[in-house]
N, C-alpha and C. Protein backbone atom coordinates (compact mmCIF):
# COMPACT_ATOMS: atom_id res chain seq x y z
N UNK A 1 121.12 89.68 115.28
CA UNK A 1 120.02 89.40 116.30
C UNK A 1 119.77 90.64 117.08
N UNK A 2 118.52 90.98 117.31
CA UNK A 2 118.08 92.03 118.07
C UNK A 2 118.64 92.07 119.50
N UNK A 3 118.92 93.27 120.01
CA UNK A 3 119.45 93.36 121.41
C UNK A 3 118.51 92.73 122.47
N UNK A 4 117.24 92.77 122.13
CA UNK A 4 116.23 92.27 123.02
C UNK A 4 115.93 90.75 122.85
N UNK A 5 116.64 90.13 121.96
CA UNK A 5 116.46 88.72 121.75
C UNK A 5 117.07 87.92 122.90
N UNK A 6 116.47 86.84 123.16
CA UNK A 6 116.80 85.94 124.32
C UNK A 6 117.01 84.56 123.75
N UNK A 7 118.05 83.91 124.20
CA UNK A 7 118.24 82.47 124.03
C UNK A 7 118.05 81.71 125.28
N UNK A 8 117.28 80.68 125.20
CA UNK A 8 117.12 79.83 126.38
C UNK A 8 117.78 78.43 126.00
N UNK A 9 117.62 77.47 126.79
CA UNK A 9 118.18 76.15 126.42
C UNK A 9 117.75 75.61 125.13
N UNK A 10 116.51 75.83 124.76
CA UNK A 10 115.96 75.18 123.55
C UNK A 10 115.35 76.27 122.56
N UNK A 11 115.18 77.45 122.97
CA UNK A 11 114.43 78.39 122.24
C UNK A 11 115.18 79.78 121.89
N UNK A 12 114.67 80.44 120.95
CA UNK A 12 115.14 81.83 120.67
C UNK A 12 113.85 82.66 120.74
N UNK A 13 113.88 83.70 121.55
CA UNK A 13 112.77 84.68 121.70
C UNK A 13 113.24 85.96 121.03
N UNK A 14 112.47 86.53 120.07
CA UNK A 14 112.83 87.81 119.49
C UNK A 14 111.57 88.66 119.50
N UNK A 15 111.71 90.03 119.66
CA UNK A 15 110.51 90.84 119.61
C UNK A 15 109.76 90.59 118.32
N UNK A 16 108.43 90.59 118.51
CA UNK A 16 107.60 90.34 117.29
C UNK A 16 107.78 91.45 116.29
N UNK A 17 107.71 91.16 115.00
CA UNK A 17 107.84 92.14 114.04
C UNK A 17 107.00 91.77 112.84
N UNK A 18 106.82 92.69 111.89
CA UNK A 18 105.96 92.48 110.68
C UNK A 18 106.45 91.22 109.95
N UNK A 19 107.76 90.89 109.95
CA UNK A 19 108.19 89.75 109.24
C UNK A 19 107.59 88.45 109.81
N UNK A 20 107.08 88.52 111.04
CA UNK A 20 106.53 87.31 111.71
C UNK A 20 104.98 87.25 111.40
N UNK A 21 104.43 88.32 110.73
CA UNK A 21 102.96 88.42 110.68
C UNK A 21 102.21 87.19 110.19
N UNK A 22 102.65 86.60 109.11
CA UNK A 22 101.98 85.41 108.63
C UNK A 22 101.93 84.28 109.61
N UNK A 23 103.06 84.00 110.22
CA UNK A 23 103.05 82.83 111.23
C UNK A 23 102.21 83.20 112.39
N UNK A 24 102.27 84.42 112.84
CA UNK A 24 101.51 84.84 114.08
C UNK A 24 100.03 84.86 113.75
N UNK A 25 99.69 85.31 112.55
CA UNK A 25 98.22 85.28 112.15
C UNK A 25 97.73 83.89 112.14
N UNK A 26 98.49 82.93 111.67
CA UNK A 26 98.08 81.50 111.63
C UNK A 26 97.96 80.99 113.09
N UNK A 27 98.92 81.36 113.96
CA UNK A 27 98.75 80.94 115.34
C UNK A 27 97.56 81.50 116.06
N UNK A 28 97.28 82.73 115.77
CA UNK A 28 96.10 83.45 116.48
C UNK A 28 94.85 82.95 115.87
N UNK A 29 94.82 82.40 114.69
CA UNK A 29 93.55 81.84 114.11
C UNK A 29 93.30 80.37 114.56
N UNK A 30 94.21 79.78 115.27
CA UNK A 30 94.13 78.39 115.64
C UNK A 30 93.39 78.32 117.10
N UNK A 31 92.28 77.74 117.12
CA UNK A 31 91.50 77.71 118.32
C UNK A 31 92.15 76.88 119.42
N UNK A 32 92.94 75.94 119.09
CA UNK A 32 93.62 75.16 120.15
C UNK A 32 94.77 75.94 120.79
N UNK A 33 95.31 76.94 120.02
CA UNK A 33 96.47 77.74 120.52
C UNK A 33 95.92 79.01 121.19
N UNK A 34 94.87 79.64 120.62
CA UNK A 34 94.48 80.95 120.98
C UNK A 34 93.03 81.06 121.51
N UNK A 35 92.26 79.99 121.59
CA UNK A 35 90.89 80.00 121.97
C UNK A 35 90.58 80.57 123.36
N UNK A 36 91.53 80.35 124.28
CA UNK A 36 91.27 80.81 125.69
C UNK A 36 91.91 82.11 126.01
N UNK A 37 92.56 82.74 125.00
CA UNK A 37 93.23 84.03 125.14
C UNK A 37 92.13 85.16 125.25
N UNK A 38 92.55 86.20 125.92
CA UNK A 38 91.70 87.34 126.00
C UNK A 38 91.40 87.87 124.52
N UNK A 39 90.14 87.90 124.16
CA UNK A 39 89.73 88.23 122.82
C UNK A 39 89.56 87.04 121.88
N UNK A 40 90.05 85.91 122.32
CA UNK A 40 89.84 84.68 121.63
C UNK A 40 90.61 84.63 120.25
N UNK A 41 90.15 83.68 119.41
CA UNK A 41 90.73 83.50 118.09
C UNK A 41 90.65 84.83 117.33
N UNK A 42 91.64 85.12 116.56
CA UNK A 42 91.73 86.43 115.87
C UNK A 42 91.81 86.14 114.37
N UNK A 43 91.18 87.03 113.63
CA UNK A 43 91.23 87.02 112.21
C UNK A 43 92.50 87.82 111.80
N UNK A 44 92.82 87.83 110.47
CA UNK A 44 94.06 88.50 110.00
C UNK A 44 94.06 90.05 110.42
N UNK A 45 92.94 90.73 110.20
CA UNK A 45 92.84 92.13 110.54
C UNK A 45 93.10 92.41 112.01
N UNK A 46 92.51 91.55 112.87
CA UNK A 46 92.65 91.67 114.31
C UNK A 46 94.10 91.34 114.71
N UNK A 47 94.71 90.33 114.06
CA UNK A 47 96.14 89.97 114.35
C UNK A 47 97.05 91.16 113.97
N UNK A 48 96.75 91.88 112.87
CA UNK A 48 97.55 93.00 112.48
C UNK A 48 97.40 94.16 113.48
N UNK A 49 96.15 94.42 113.92
CA UNK A 49 95.97 95.43 114.99
C UNK A 49 96.71 95.08 116.25
N UNK A 50 96.75 93.79 116.62
CA UNK A 50 97.48 93.35 117.80
C UNK A 50 99.01 93.64 117.58
N UNK A 51 99.51 93.42 116.30
CA UNK A 51 100.90 93.67 116.00
C UNK A 51 101.25 95.16 116.25
N UNK A 52 100.35 96.02 115.77
CA UNK A 52 100.62 97.41 116.00
C UNK A 52 100.75 97.70 117.54
N UNK A 53 99.80 97.16 118.29
CA UNK A 53 99.87 97.35 119.74
C UNK A 53 101.14 96.81 120.38
N UNK A 54 101.49 95.58 119.88
CA UNK A 54 102.71 94.97 120.43
C UNK A 54 103.97 95.77 120.19
N UNK A 55 104.08 96.27 118.99
CA UNK A 55 105.25 97.09 118.64
C UNK A 55 105.26 98.38 119.42
N UNK A 56 104.09 98.97 119.68
CA UNK A 56 103.96 100.14 120.53
C UNK A 56 104.41 99.86 121.95
N UNK A 57 103.99 98.70 122.44
CA UNK A 57 104.40 98.36 123.77
C UNK A 57 105.90 98.28 123.98
N UNK A 58 106.52 97.70 122.95
CA UNK A 58 107.99 97.69 122.97
C UNK A 58 108.64 99.06 123.13
N UNK A 59 108.13 99.95 122.27
CA UNK A 59 108.62 101.40 122.24
C UNK A 59 108.32 102.11 123.57
N UNK A 60 107.23 101.78 124.15
CA UNK A 60 106.81 102.51 125.43
C UNK A 60 107.45 101.97 126.62
N UNK A 61 107.63 100.62 126.75
CA UNK A 61 108.08 99.96 127.95
C UNK A 61 109.40 99.28 127.88
N UNK A 62 110.01 99.13 126.71
CA UNK A 62 111.30 98.45 126.59
C UNK A 62 111.21 96.92 126.75
N UNK A 63 109.96 96.42 126.64
CA UNK A 63 109.65 94.99 126.67
C UNK A 63 108.35 94.86 126.07
N UNK A 64 107.97 93.59 125.66
CA UNK A 64 106.76 93.32 125.01
C UNK A 64 106.58 91.91 124.57
N UNK A 65 105.94 91.71 123.42
CA UNK A 65 105.70 90.34 122.96
C UNK A 65 106.90 89.81 122.16
N UNK A 66 107.20 88.56 122.35
CA UNK A 66 108.26 87.84 121.65
C UNK A 66 107.66 86.79 120.72
N UNK A 67 108.36 86.56 119.64
CA UNK A 67 108.06 85.41 118.82
C UNK A 67 108.94 84.30 119.32
N UNK A 68 108.39 83.12 119.62
CA UNK A 68 109.13 82.01 120.15
C UNK A 68 109.50 81.04 118.97
N UNK A 69 110.81 80.79 118.85
CA UNK A 69 111.30 79.92 117.76
C UNK A 69 111.99 78.72 118.40
N UNK A 70 111.74 77.50 117.78
CA UNK A 70 112.47 76.35 118.12
C UNK A 70 113.12 75.91 116.84
N UNK A 71 114.41 75.74 116.76
CA UNK A 71 115.14 75.40 115.55
C UNK A 71 114.72 76.20 114.37
N UNK A 72 114.52 77.55 114.58
CA UNK A 72 114.20 78.50 113.58
C UNK A 72 112.76 78.60 113.19
N UNK A 73 111.91 77.73 113.70
CA UNK A 73 110.47 77.69 113.39
C UNK A 73 109.67 78.40 114.42
N UNK A 74 108.79 79.35 114.07
CA UNK A 74 107.94 80.01 115.02
C UNK A 74 106.88 79.05 115.57
N UNK A 75 106.92 78.81 116.92
CA UNK A 75 106.02 77.89 117.56
C UNK A 75 105.06 78.59 118.51
N UNK A 76 105.25 79.90 118.71
CA UNK A 76 104.36 80.59 119.64
C UNK A 76 104.79 81.97 119.92
N UNK A 77 104.09 82.61 120.86
CA UNK A 77 104.37 83.96 121.30
C UNK A 77 104.29 83.98 122.76
N UNK A 78 105.03 84.87 123.39
CA UNK A 78 104.99 85.12 124.83
C UNK A 78 105.42 86.57 125.06
N UNK A 79 105.15 87.10 126.20
CA UNK A 79 105.55 88.40 126.58
C UNK A 79 104.56 89.19 127.29
N UNK A 80 104.71 90.54 127.47
CA UNK A 80 103.78 91.29 128.11
C UNK A 80 103.03 92.26 127.20
N UNK A 81 101.88 92.64 127.68
CA UNK A 81 101.07 93.69 126.98
C UNK A 81 100.24 94.44 128.05
N UNK A 82 99.72 95.52 127.62
CA UNK A 82 98.86 96.30 128.52
C UNK A 82 97.42 95.69 128.41
N UNK A 83 96.92 95.28 129.51
CA UNK A 83 95.53 94.76 129.46
C UNK A 83 94.56 95.81 129.23
N UNK A 84 93.60 95.61 128.33
CA UNK A 84 92.58 96.59 128.07
C UNK A 84 91.68 96.82 129.23
N UNK A 85 91.62 96.02 130.19
CA UNK A 85 90.73 96.21 131.34
C UNK A 85 91.43 97.03 132.44
N UNK A 86 92.59 97.56 132.20
CA UNK A 86 93.29 98.41 133.17
C UNK A 86 93.95 97.69 134.34
N UNK A 87 94.04 96.34 134.29
CA UNK A 87 94.64 95.62 135.40
C UNK A 87 96.17 95.74 135.43
N UNK A 88 96.78 96.27 134.36
CA UNK A 88 98.21 96.43 134.31
C UNK A 88 98.86 95.70 133.20
N UNK A 89 100.21 95.60 133.33
CA UNK A 89 101.05 94.86 132.35
C UNK A 89 100.88 93.40 132.66
N UNK A 90 100.62 92.67 131.59
CA UNK A 90 100.25 91.25 131.78
C UNK A 90 101.11 90.35 130.88
N UNK A 91 101.54 89.29 131.44
CA UNK A 91 102.16 88.19 130.72
C UNK A 91 101.17 87.36 130.04
N UNK A 92 101.48 86.99 128.71
CA UNK A 92 100.66 86.09 128.04
C UNK A 92 101.55 85.13 127.22
N UNK A 93 100.97 83.98 126.86
CA UNK A 93 101.69 83.03 126.06
C UNK A 93 100.78 82.14 125.29
N UNK A 94 101.19 81.76 124.13
CA UNK A 94 100.38 80.84 123.31
C UNK A 94 101.36 79.96 122.48
N UNK A 95 101.24 78.73 122.57
CA UNK A 95 102.11 77.76 121.90
C UNK A 95 101.35 76.93 120.91
N UNK A 96 101.87 76.74 119.72
CA UNK A 96 101.20 75.94 118.73
C UNK A 96 100.97 74.50 119.34
N UNK A 97 99.80 73.88 119.15
CA UNK A 97 99.58 72.61 119.75
C UNK A 97 100.65 71.55 119.43
N UNK A 98 101.21 71.59 118.28
CA UNK A 98 102.29 70.61 117.87
C UNK A 98 103.48 70.79 118.79
N UNK A 99 103.67 71.86 119.51
CA UNK A 99 104.87 72.04 120.31
C UNK A 99 104.57 72.01 121.81
N UNK A 100 103.32 71.70 122.10
CA UNK A 100 102.89 71.70 123.53
C UNK A 100 103.27 70.39 124.22
N UNK A 101 103.24 70.43 125.52
CA UNK A 101 103.60 69.24 126.36
C UNK A 101 105.05 68.95 126.62
N UNK A 102 105.97 69.91 126.22
CA UNK A 102 107.41 69.68 126.38
C UNK A 102 108.08 70.69 127.30
N UNK A 103 107.28 71.57 127.96
CA UNK A 103 107.76 72.53 128.83
C UNK A 103 108.23 73.84 128.08
N UNK A 104 107.95 73.98 126.83
CA UNK A 104 108.42 75.12 126.03
C UNK A 104 107.70 76.44 126.49
N UNK A 105 106.43 76.25 126.85
CA UNK A 105 105.70 77.51 127.29
C UNK A 105 106.26 78.05 128.56
N UNK A 106 106.55 77.12 129.50
CA UNK A 106 107.23 77.52 130.74
C UNK A 106 108.55 78.13 130.46
N UNK A 107 109.39 77.53 129.70
CA UNK A 107 110.72 78.07 129.38
C UNK A 107 110.67 79.48 128.79
N UNK A 108 109.76 79.67 127.82
CA UNK A 108 109.56 80.93 127.11
C UNK A 108 109.01 81.98 128.02
N UNK A 109 107.97 81.63 128.75
CA UNK A 109 107.28 82.58 129.64
C UNK A 109 108.19 83.01 130.74
N UNK A 110 109.05 82.14 131.31
CA UNK A 110 109.95 82.54 132.36
C UNK A 110 110.92 83.52 131.81
N UNK A 111 111.44 83.32 130.62
CA UNK A 111 112.40 84.26 130.04
C UNK A 111 111.72 85.66 129.76
N UNK A 112 110.49 85.61 129.24
CA UNK A 112 109.83 86.90 128.99
C UNK A 112 109.54 87.63 130.31
N UNK A 113 109.21 86.94 131.38
CA UNK A 113 108.95 87.57 132.65
C UNK A 113 110.20 88.18 133.17
N UNK A 114 111.39 87.43 133.13
CA UNK A 114 112.62 88.03 133.58
C UNK A 114 112.95 89.25 132.76
N UNK A 115 112.73 89.21 131.44
CA UNK A 115 112.99 90.37 130.62
C UNK A 115 112.14 91.59 131.06
N UNK A 116 110.91 91.39 131.28
CA UNK A 116 109.99 92.49 131.70
C UNK A 116 110.41 93.12 133.03
N UNK A 117 110.77 92.25 134.00
CA UNK A 117 111.29 92.87 135.25
C UNK A 117 112.61 93.57 135.03
N UNK A 118 113.50 92.99 134.19
CA UNK A 118 114.79 93.62 133.94
C UNK A 118 114.61 94.99 133.21
N UNK A 119 113.54 95.13 132.47
CA UNK A 119 113.24 96.38 131.73
C UNK A 119 112.58 97.40 132.75
N UNK A 120 112.41 97.04 133.94
CA UNK A 120 111.89 98.03 134.92
C UNK A 120 110.44 97.86 135.20
N UNK A 121 109.79 96.86 134.76
CA UNK A 121 108.37 96.68 135.01
C UNK A 121 108.27 95.90 136.31
N UNK A 122 107.90 96.56 137.42
CA UNK A 122 107.99 96.08 138.75
C UNK A 122 106.88 94.96 138.99
N UNK A 123 105.78 95.13 138.48
CA UNK A 123 104.57 94.25 138.77
C UNK A 123 104.08 93.78 137.42
N UNK A 124 104.09 92.46 137.25
CA UNK A 124 103.52 91.81 136.04
C UNK A 124 102.44 90.88 136.49
N UNK A 125 101.27 90.96 135.91
CA UNK A 125 100.23 90.00 136.22
C UNK A 125 99.97 89.05 135.08
N UNK A 126 99.22 88.04 135.28
CA UNK A 126 98.72 87.15 134.22
C UNK A 126 97.30 86.74 134.59
N UNK A 127 96.50 86.42 133.69
CA UNK A 127 95.13 86.03 133.95
C UNK A 127 94.87 84.67 133.24
N UNK A 128 94.31 83.77 134.01
CA UNK A 128 93.97 82.44 133.48
C UNK A 128 92.62 81.96 134.02
N UNK A 129 91.83 81.28 133.14
CA UNK A 129 90.61 80.68 133.67
C UNK A 129 90.97 79.71 134.84
N UNK A 130 90.15 79.58 135.78
CA UNK A 130 90.37 78.62 136.89
C UNK A 130 90.48 77.18 136.31
N UNK A 131 89.77 76.90 135.18
CA UNK A 131 89.77 75.58 134.63
C UNK A 131 90.93 75.32 133.65
N UNK A 132 91.73 76.36 133.40
CA UNK A 132 92.87 76.16 132.47
C UNK A 132 94.09 75.70 133.28
N UNK A 133 94.09 74.39 133.59
CA UNK A 133 95.14 73.83 134.38
C UNK A 133 96.51 74.01 133.79
N UNK A 134 96.65 73.81 132.54
CA UNK A 134 97.95 73.88 131.80
C UNK A 134 98.61 75.33 132.06
N UNK A 135 97.75 76.34 131.81
CA UNK A 135 98.29 77.73 132.02
C UNK A 135 98.62 78.04 133.43
N UNK A 136 97.77 77.49 134.36
CA UNK A 136 97.99 77.70 135.79
C UNK A 136 99.32 77.05 136.23
N UNK A 137 99.57 75.85 135.67
CA UNK A 137 100.85 75.18 135.98
C UNK A 137 102.02 75.94 135.46
N UNK A 138 101.93 76.53 134.24
CA UNK A 138 103.05 77.38 133.73
C UNK A 138 103.26 78.55 134.64
N UNK A 139 102.17 79.25 135.02
CA UNK A 139 102.36 80.46 135.75
C UNK A 139 102.86 80.15 137.16
N UNK A 140 102.38 79.17 137.86
CA UNK A 140 102.91 78.77 139.07
C UNK A 140 104.32 78.29 138.99
N UNK A 141 104.70 77.57 137.90
CA UNK A 141 105.99 77.04 137.68
C UNK A 141 107.05 78.11 137.47
N UNK A 142 106.65 79.34 137.07
CA UNK A 142 107.63 80.45 136.82
C UNK A 142 107.60 81.42 138.06
N UNK A 143 106.97 80.97 139.15
CA UNK A 143 106.99 81.75 140.37
C UNK A 143 105.90 82.82 140.59
N UNK A 144 104.89 82.80 139.69
CA UNK A 144 103.75 83.68 139.88
C UNK A 144 102.77 83.08 140.89
N UNK A 145 102.07 83.90 141.54
CA UNK A 145 101.06 83.43 142.57
C UNK A 145 99.76 84.12 142.38
N UNK A 146 98.68 83.47 142.74
CA UNK A 146 97.35 84.06 142.64
C UNK A 146 97.22 85.13 143.68
N UNK A 147 96.74 86.30 143.16
CA UNK A 147 96.53 87.45 144.08
C UNK A 147 95.13 87.96 143.98
N UNK A 148 94.28 87.48 143.06
CA UNK A 148 92.90 88.08 142.84
C UNK A 148 92.16 87.12 141.96
N UNK A 149 90.88 87.40 141.83
CA UNK A 149 90.05 86.67 140.86
C UNK A 149 88.85 87.51 140.50
N UNK A 150 88.23 87.25 139.35
CA UNK A 150 87.10 87.98 138.92
C UNK A 150 86.31 87.07 137.92
N UNK A 151 85.10 87.40 137.68
CA UNK A 151 84.31 86.68 136.73
C UNK A 151 84.27 87.37 135.36
N UNK A 152 84.41 86.51 134.30
CA UNK A 152 84.30 87.01 132.92
C UNK A 152 83.53 86.02 132.14
N UNK A 153 82.43 86.42 131.56
CA UNK A 153 81.64 85.58 130.66
C UNK A 153 81.25 84.22 131.39
N UNK A 154 80.96 84.28 132.65
CA UNK A 154 80.56 83.10 133.38
C UNK A 154 81.71 82.25 133.84
N UNK A 155 82.95 82.65 133.66
CA UNK A 155 84.12 81.94 134.05
C UNK A 155 84.89 82.66 135.21
N UNK A 156 85.31 81.89 136.14
CA UNK A 156 86.17 82.52 137.16
C UNK A 156 87.60 82.62 136.62
N UNK A 157 88.11 83.84 136.66
CA UNK A 157 89.40 84.15 136.15
C UNK A 157 90.32 84.41 137.28
N UNK A 158 91.49 83.74 137.33
CA UNK A 158 92.46 83.90 138.33
C UNK A 158 93.51 84.97 137.88
N UNK A 159 93.85 85.87 138.81
CA UNK A 159 94.87 86.86 138.52
C UNK A 159 96.17 86.43 139.23
N UNK A 160 97.22 86.19 138.47
CA UNK A 160 98.53 85.83 139.04
C UNK A 160 99.42 87.14 139.04
N UNK A 161 100.39 87.10 139.90
CA UNK A 161 101.23 88.28 140.05
C UNK A 161 102.67 87.85 140.24
N UNK A 162 103.55 88.72 139.70
CA UNK A 162 104.98 88.59 139.95
C UNK A 162 105.49 89.98 140.23
N UNK A 163 106.27 90.09 141.33
CA UNK A 163 106.80 91.42 141.65
C UNK A 163 108.39 91.29 141.50
N UNK A 164 108.92 92.27 140.82
CA UNK A 164 110.36 92.25 140.67
C UNK A 164 111.06 92.27 141.99
N UNK A 165 112.20 91.59 141.98
CA UNK A 165 113.02 91.58 143.17
C UNK A 165 113.63 92.93 143.39
N UNK A 166 113.26 93.59 144.45
CA UNK A 166 113.80 94.97 144.64
C UNK A 166 115.30 95.02 144.76
N UNK A 167 115.88 94.07 145.31
CA UNK A 167 117.34 94.07 145.51
C UNK A 167 118.01 94.08 144.10
N UNK A 168 117.62 93.23 143.22
CA UNK A 168 118.26 93.13 141.90
C UNK A 168 117.89 94.42 141.07
N UNK A 169 116.69 94.93 141.21
CA UNK A 169 116.34 96.15 140.54
C UNK A 169 117.18 97.29 141.09
N UNK A 170 117.37 97.40 142.38
CA UNK A 170 118.19 98.48 142.95
C UNK A 170 119.63 98.40 142.46
N UNK A 171 120.18 97.17 142.39
CA UNK A 171 121.55 97.08 141.90
C UNK A 171 121.61 97.38 140.40
N UNK A 172 120.59 97.03 139.66
CA UNK A 172 120.57 97.43 138.24
C UNK A 172 120.45 98.98 138.11
N UNK A 173 119.68 99.61 138.92
CA UNK A 173 119.60 101.04 138.89
C UNK A 173 120.97 101.69 139.21
N UNK A 174 121.68 101.12 140.20
CA UNK A 174 122.98 101.69 140.62
C UNK A 174 124.00 101.53 139.49
N UNK A 175 123.80 100.52 138.65
CA UNK A 175 124.83 100.30 137.60
C UNK A 175 124.56 101.14 136.40
N UNK A 176 123.46 101.92 136.31
CA UNK A 176 123.17 102.76 135.18
C UNK A 176 123.98 104.06 135.26
């Protein structure tokens, strides 16, 4: 298992890799799973370009996108990426519809957020449509709070924020 892999109560999160490509391409092509994501539903070529970016993010920041597995089966993705609009490092998550409604998105997103902060990323944002109640519940449930909003394609977008706990970061820095 990769050093950056995480085990939660029900899930295993591992950095995305090319061996996940077929499953991730299917997830990103599913409108119910990926329709509200930045960029929307993705074709295979777009999903492959995303994979290149995701692997680069890991190399650059020591954190990035994770494949979420339940009982060995890929059910979604979560983690951080650099937003193309310059807003910063952002948490995102997408769960296959068959796995939704059981708190798995919250469990995975919380683990990915902790990993990002532990990797030294002090500020992590997330963006959700004001009408996307499920995502807003996940983000609020993992301790993120609304800090801004903007309009995109006629929709109000809420910007959530999480700041690393300076005390724990300072103690981590002293331990290096």
